[in-house]
Every structure is written in C-alpha cells, then in structure tokens.
Protein backbone atom coordinates (compact mmCIF):
# COMPACT_ATOMS: atom_id res chain seq x y z
CA MET A 1 -80.69 -31.46 -6.34
CA THR A 2 -80.87 -27.73 -7.07
CA VAL A 3 -80.94 -26.72 -10.73
CA LEU A 4 -79.28 -23.34 -11.12
CA ARG A 5 -79.93 -20.61 -13.67
CA PRO A 6 -77.25 -20.77 -16.39
CA ASP A 7 -75.36 -17.72 -15.08
CA LEU A 8 -75.26 -19.19 -11.57
CA ALA A 9 -74.21 -22.60 -12.92
CA VAL A 10 -71.21 -21.01 -14.68
CA ILE A 11 -70.23 -19.25 -11.47
CA ALA A 12 -70.62 -22.39 -9.36
CA ASN A 13 -68.51 -24.32 -11.84
CA LYS A 14 -65.66 -21.80 -11.66
CA ILE A 15 -65.46 -21.40 -7.88
CA ALA A 16 -62.73 -23.46 -6.27
CA THR A 17 -63.62 -26.06 -3.66
CA GLY A 18 -63.35 -24.80 -0.08
CA SER A 19 -63.42 -21.12 -1.03
CA ARG A 20 -64.77 -18.25 1.05
CA VAL A 21 -67.63 -16.69 -0.92
CA LEU A 22 -69.87 -13.65 -0.45
CA ASP A 23 -73.04 -13.73 -2.56
CA ILE A 24 -74.46 -10.19 -2.69
CA GLY A 25 -78.13 -10.08 -3.61
CA CYS A 26 -78.30 -13.82 -2.94
CA GLY A 27 -82.10 -14.11 -3.31
CA GLU A 28 -83.27 -17.42 -1.87
CA GLY A 29 -79.71 -18.74 -1.64
CA GLU A 30 -79.73 -21.31 -4.45
CA LEU A 31 -76.11 -20.63 -5.42
CA MET A 32 -74.95 -20.57 -1.80
CA GLU A 33 -76.62 -23.93 -1.16
CA VAL A 34 -74.83 -25.52 -4.12
CA LEU A 35 -71.48 -24.01 -3.15
CA ARG A 36 -71.87 -25.19 0.44
CA THR A 37 -73.07 -28.74 -0.28
CA GLN A 38 -71.20 -29.57 -3.50
CA LYS A 39 -68.00 -27.55 -3.13
CA GLY A 40 -67.54 -27.30 0.64
CA CYS A 41 -67.40 -23.51 0.45
CA ASP A 42 -67.86 -21.10 3.33
CA ALA A 43 -70.70 -19.29 1.55
CA ARG A 44 -72.16 -16.15 3.07
CA GLY A 45 -74.89 -13.94 1.68
CA MET A 46 -76.26 -10.42 1.77
CA GLU A 47 -79.83 -9.75 0.70
CA ILE A 48 -81.93 -6.58 0.93
CA ASP A 49 -85.34 -8.33 0.99
CA PRO A 50 -86.18 -9.47 4.56
CA VAL A 51 -88.53 -12.22 3.32
CA LEU A 52 -85.73 -13.76 1.24
CA VAL A 53 -83.29 -13.42 4.15
CA GLU A 54 -85.75 -15.34 6.33
CA ARG A 55 -86.06 -18.10 3.71
CA CYS A 56 -82.27 -18.42 3.48
CA VAL A 57 -81.84 -18.58 7.24
CA ALA A 58 -84.63 -21.18 7.48
CA ARG A 59 -82.57 -23.31 5.04
CA GLY A 60 -79.53 -23.01 7.32
CA LEU A 61 -77.70 -20.48 5.16
CA SER A 62 -75.59 -17.68 6.61
CA VAL A 63 -77.29 -14.56 5.24
CA VAL A 64 -77.56 -11.04 6.61
CA GLN A 65 -80.04 -8.39 5.60
CA GLY A 66 -78.19 -5.50 4.02
CA ASP A 67 -78.05 -3.01 1.21
CA ALA A 68 -74.94 -3.53 -0.89
CA ASP A 69 -74.92 0.17 -1.83
CA ARG A 70 -74.22 0.97 1.83
CA ASP A 71 -73.19 -2.15 3.71
CA LEU A 72 -70.29 -3.64 1.74
CA VAL A 73 -68.01 -1.05 3.36
CA GLU A 74 -68.42 -3.00 6.63
CA TYR A 75 -66.48 -5.98 5.26
CA PRO A 76 -62.67 -6.05 5.53
CA ASP A 77 -60.39 -6.03 2.50
CA LYS A 78 -59.98 -9.42 0.79
CA ALA A 79 -62.22 -11.14 3.36
CA PHE A 80 -63.46 -13.50 0.61
CA ASP A 81 -61.92 -15.42 -2.25
CA TYR A 82 -64.92 -14.52 -4.41
CA ALA A 83 -67.58 -11.81 -4.27
CA ILE A 84 -70.62 -12.49 -6.45
CA LEU A 85 -73.11 -9.96 -7.76
CA SER A 86 -75.69 -11.85 -9.81
CA GLN A 87 -78.39 -9.94 -11.71
CA THR A 88 -78.03 -7.05 -9.24
CA LEU A 89 -75.56 -4.55 -10.76
CA GLN A 90 -78.34 -2.74 -12.65
CA THR A 91 -80.11 -2.04 -9.33
CA ALA A 92 -77.05 -0.41 -7.71
CA ALA A 93 -77.10 3.34 -7.10
CA ARG A 94 -73.50 3.58 -8.36
CA PRO A 95 -72.40 0.46 -10.26
CA ASP A 96 -68.84 1.80 -10.53
CA ARG A 97 -68.51 2.05 -6.76
CA MET A 98 -70.19 -1.33 -6.32
CA LEU A 99 -67.55 -2.95 -8.55
CA ASP A 100 -64.77 -1.28 -6.55
CA GLU A 101 -66.28 -2.65 -3.34
CA LEU A 102 -66.68 -6.15 -4.83
CA LEU A 103 -63.01 -6.27 -5.74
CA ARG A 104 -62.01 -4.83 -2.40
CA VAL A 105 -63.81 -7.48 -0.31
CA GLY A 106 -63.13 -10.34 -2.77
CA ARG A 107 -59.92 -11.40 -4.43
CA GLN A 108 -62.03 -12.11 -7.53
CA ALA A 109 -65.58 -11.22 -8.49
CA PHE A 110 -68.32 -12.62 -10.66
CA VAL A 111 -70.89 -10.21 -12.05
CA SER A 112 -73.92 -11.15 -14.14
CA PHE A 113 -76.50 -8.76 -15.54
CA PRO A 114 -79.25 -8.50 -18.17
CA ASN A 115 -77.99 -7.00 -21.43
CA PHE A 116 -80.18 -4.04 -22.35
CA ALA A 117 -78.69 -4.00 -25.87
CA HIS A 118 -80.15 -7.40 -26.80
CA TRP A 119 -81.89 -7.24 -30.17
CA ARG A 120 -85.36 -7.87 -28.67
CA MET A 121 -84.92 -4.88 -26.36
CA ARG A 122 -83.82 -2.74 -29.27
CA ALA A 123 -86.78 -3.90 -31.36
CA ALA A 124 -89.27 -3.17 -28.57
CA LEU A 125 -87.99 0.39 -28.32
CA ALA A 126 -87.60 0.94 -32.06
CA PHE A 127 -90.86 -0.56 -33.30
CA ARG A 128 -93.23 -0.23 -30.37
CA GLY A 129 -91.67 2.78 -28.67
CA ARG A 130 -92.06 1.05 -25.30
CA MET A 131 -89.74 -0.24 -22.61
CA PRO A 132 -89.39 -3.98 -23.18
CA VAL A 133 -90.76 -6.75 -20.99
CA THR A 134 -88.82 -9.98 -21.54
CA ARG A 135 -88.33 -13.32 -19.83
CA TYR A 136 -85.29 -11.88 -18.00
CA LEU A 137 -86.88 -8.49 -17.35
CA PRO A 138 -90.42 -9.68 -16.68
CA VAL A 139 -91.99 -6.54 -15.21
CA SER A 140 -93.03 -3.18 -16.60
CA TRP A 141 -90.70 -0.19 -16.32
CA TYR A 142 -92.58 1.24 -13.33
CA GLU A 143 -92.32 -2.04 -11.36
CA THR A 144 -88.66 -2.81 -11.96
CA GLN A 145 -85.83 -2.32 -9.47
CA ASN A 146 -83.49 -1.59 -12.39
CA ILE A 147 -82.18 1.95 -12.31
CA HIS A 148 -79.18 1.59 -14.66
CA ASN A 149 -79.71 -0.05 -18.03
CA VAL A 150 -76.33 -1.66 -18.70
CA THR A 151 -75.12 -3.27 -21.92
CA ILE A 152 -72.20 -5.64 -22.43
CA ASP A 153 -70.23 -2.94 -24.24
CA ASP A 154 -71.00 -0.39 -21.50
CA PHE A 155 -69.80 -2.86 -18.87
CA ARG A 156 -66.56 -3.58 -20.75
CA GLU A 157 -65.92 0.14 -21.02
CA LEU A 158 -66.56 0.64 -17.29
CA ILE A 159 -64.22 -2.12 -16.13
CA ALA A 160 -61.49 -0.80 -18.45
CA LYS A 161 -61.93 2.68 -16.94
CA LEU A 162 -61.72 1.20 -13.42
CA GLY A 163 -58.58 -0.79 -14.23
CA VAL A 164 -60.39 -4.09 -13.68
CA THR A 165 -59.20 -7.22 -15.50
CA CYS A 166 -61.75 -9.41 -17.26
CA GLU A 167 -60.56 -12.97 -16.62
CA ASN A 168 -63.42 -14.55 -18.53
CA ALA A 169 -66.89 -13.82 -19.89
CA TRP A 170 -69.91 -15.94 -20.81
CA PHE A 171 -72.95 -14.90 -22.82
CA PHE A 172 -76.42 -16.43 -22.88
CA SER A 173 -79.55 -16.36 -24.99
CA GLY A 174 -82.23 -18.04 -22.94
CA GLN A 175 -80.79 -21.17 -21.36
CA ARG A 176 -78.17 -21.54 -24.09
CA GLN A 177 -74.61 -20.26 -23.94
CA ILE A 178 -73.56 -18.39 -27.07
CA GLY A 179 -70.19 -17.28 -28.43
CA PRO A 180 -68.74 -13.80 -28.01
CA LEU A 181 -69.33 -12.73 -31.62
CA TRP A 182 -71.87 -9.89 -31.59
CA ALA A 183 -72.64 -10.67 -27.94
CA ASN A 184 -73.84 -7.11 -27.29
CA LEU A 185 -76.61 -7.69 -29.84
CA ARG A 186 -77.29 -11.42 -29.32
CA ALA A 187 -76.94 -12.07 -25.59
CA GLU A 188 -79.85 -11.61 -23.20
CA TYR A 189 -77.50 -11.65 -20.22
CA ALA A 190 -73.81 -12.00 -19.45
CA VAL A 191 -71.43 -13.22 -16.74
CA PHE A 192 -68.01 -11.69 -16.18
CA GLU A 193 -65.19 -13.02 -14.00
CA LEU A 194 -63.13 -10.08 -12.75
CA SER A 195 -59.95 -9.38 -10.83
CA ARG A 196 -57.71 -6.45 -10.04
C-alpha cells in the first residue's frame, strides 16, 4: 500500500470516486496510483522529467512528458473533473497563467506549495543571511527548480485577483496538519482546493 505525503493524502481523500483527474508534475505517480486503484479514477499525468515519465509508464500509469508552462494549452476546456498541481507552482514561469490553465482544463483544482514565509525560512534569512535549506526545500538556492518564492498570503492575494474561489485549504508543519491561525507563519506547506 502506498503511503502518500500529507498534501497528497488530503487531495486523494477529497477526490470523488470515478473522477477524471490530471496530475501535473506527477513525479513518480504515487497519487495517480492511489486514485486509480482505490478510487477508480481515470488518472492521467504530465511530467517534465523523462526518467520519472518512464517510471510511471513502467508502473502502467498514463503519463506524458510535457512542460506545464507550455503544454496545458493542448488540453480541451473542462476535460477533467480535477487538475492537480502539487509542489510545482513555485517552478512555473507564470504561476498566474498556470492557475488559469488549471481551472480551464479542470472543473476544480488542487494546488499545494511550500510556504516561503514559514518562520524557519524567515529565521534563516534574518539571522544567517542565507537562503534556507529545509526538509521541504532540501537543496541550496543554486540547485533548486524554484523560481517564484510563494507564501500563503501571496497565494490568497493572487487567487482573489484572478477571481478564483478557495473551496478549502489545509496547512501542514511537517507531517502534522495545523489550523489556519497564523498559517502564513506556522505552515511549512499548504494545499488549496480551488474553483471558478
């Protein structure tokens, strides 16, 4: 049985049985596997890394190699019940356009991302004057694929500007879910359920 990261477990829990799902930046396909086997979903994936695509395909998952910054435009409107962007938004060239595309191809979207306003990140910058390396951002600044450092408050502001509805949100510190109070300071990463 596959044990999912907490953000993926929340998403898997919320997705309706038998849904059509597109997992963008699907990695090795852990979430897709769970959705397919436990929820009977038609789960498809898009992944930029050819090695990870090969691993997914070897597991019998339906995954194409693609760059979400360019290739989401190839999907028709509302082709999926859910579009998922897990721990990938901060790597997008234009996160605002990516969110528009997610909600164009999916009736609903789930987005999770590391919170760059977490207190440990702030402390690393304030007291050491260095870009932080944490358990959820485990590489140095020059090795990371992250090009947009997003915070929970920044994300809320962006979706309001785009006219996107936040259906639900979950916040995590490590493996533990925490409440919304001071989430921008306390949460290491967040999951948002969105619609338009």
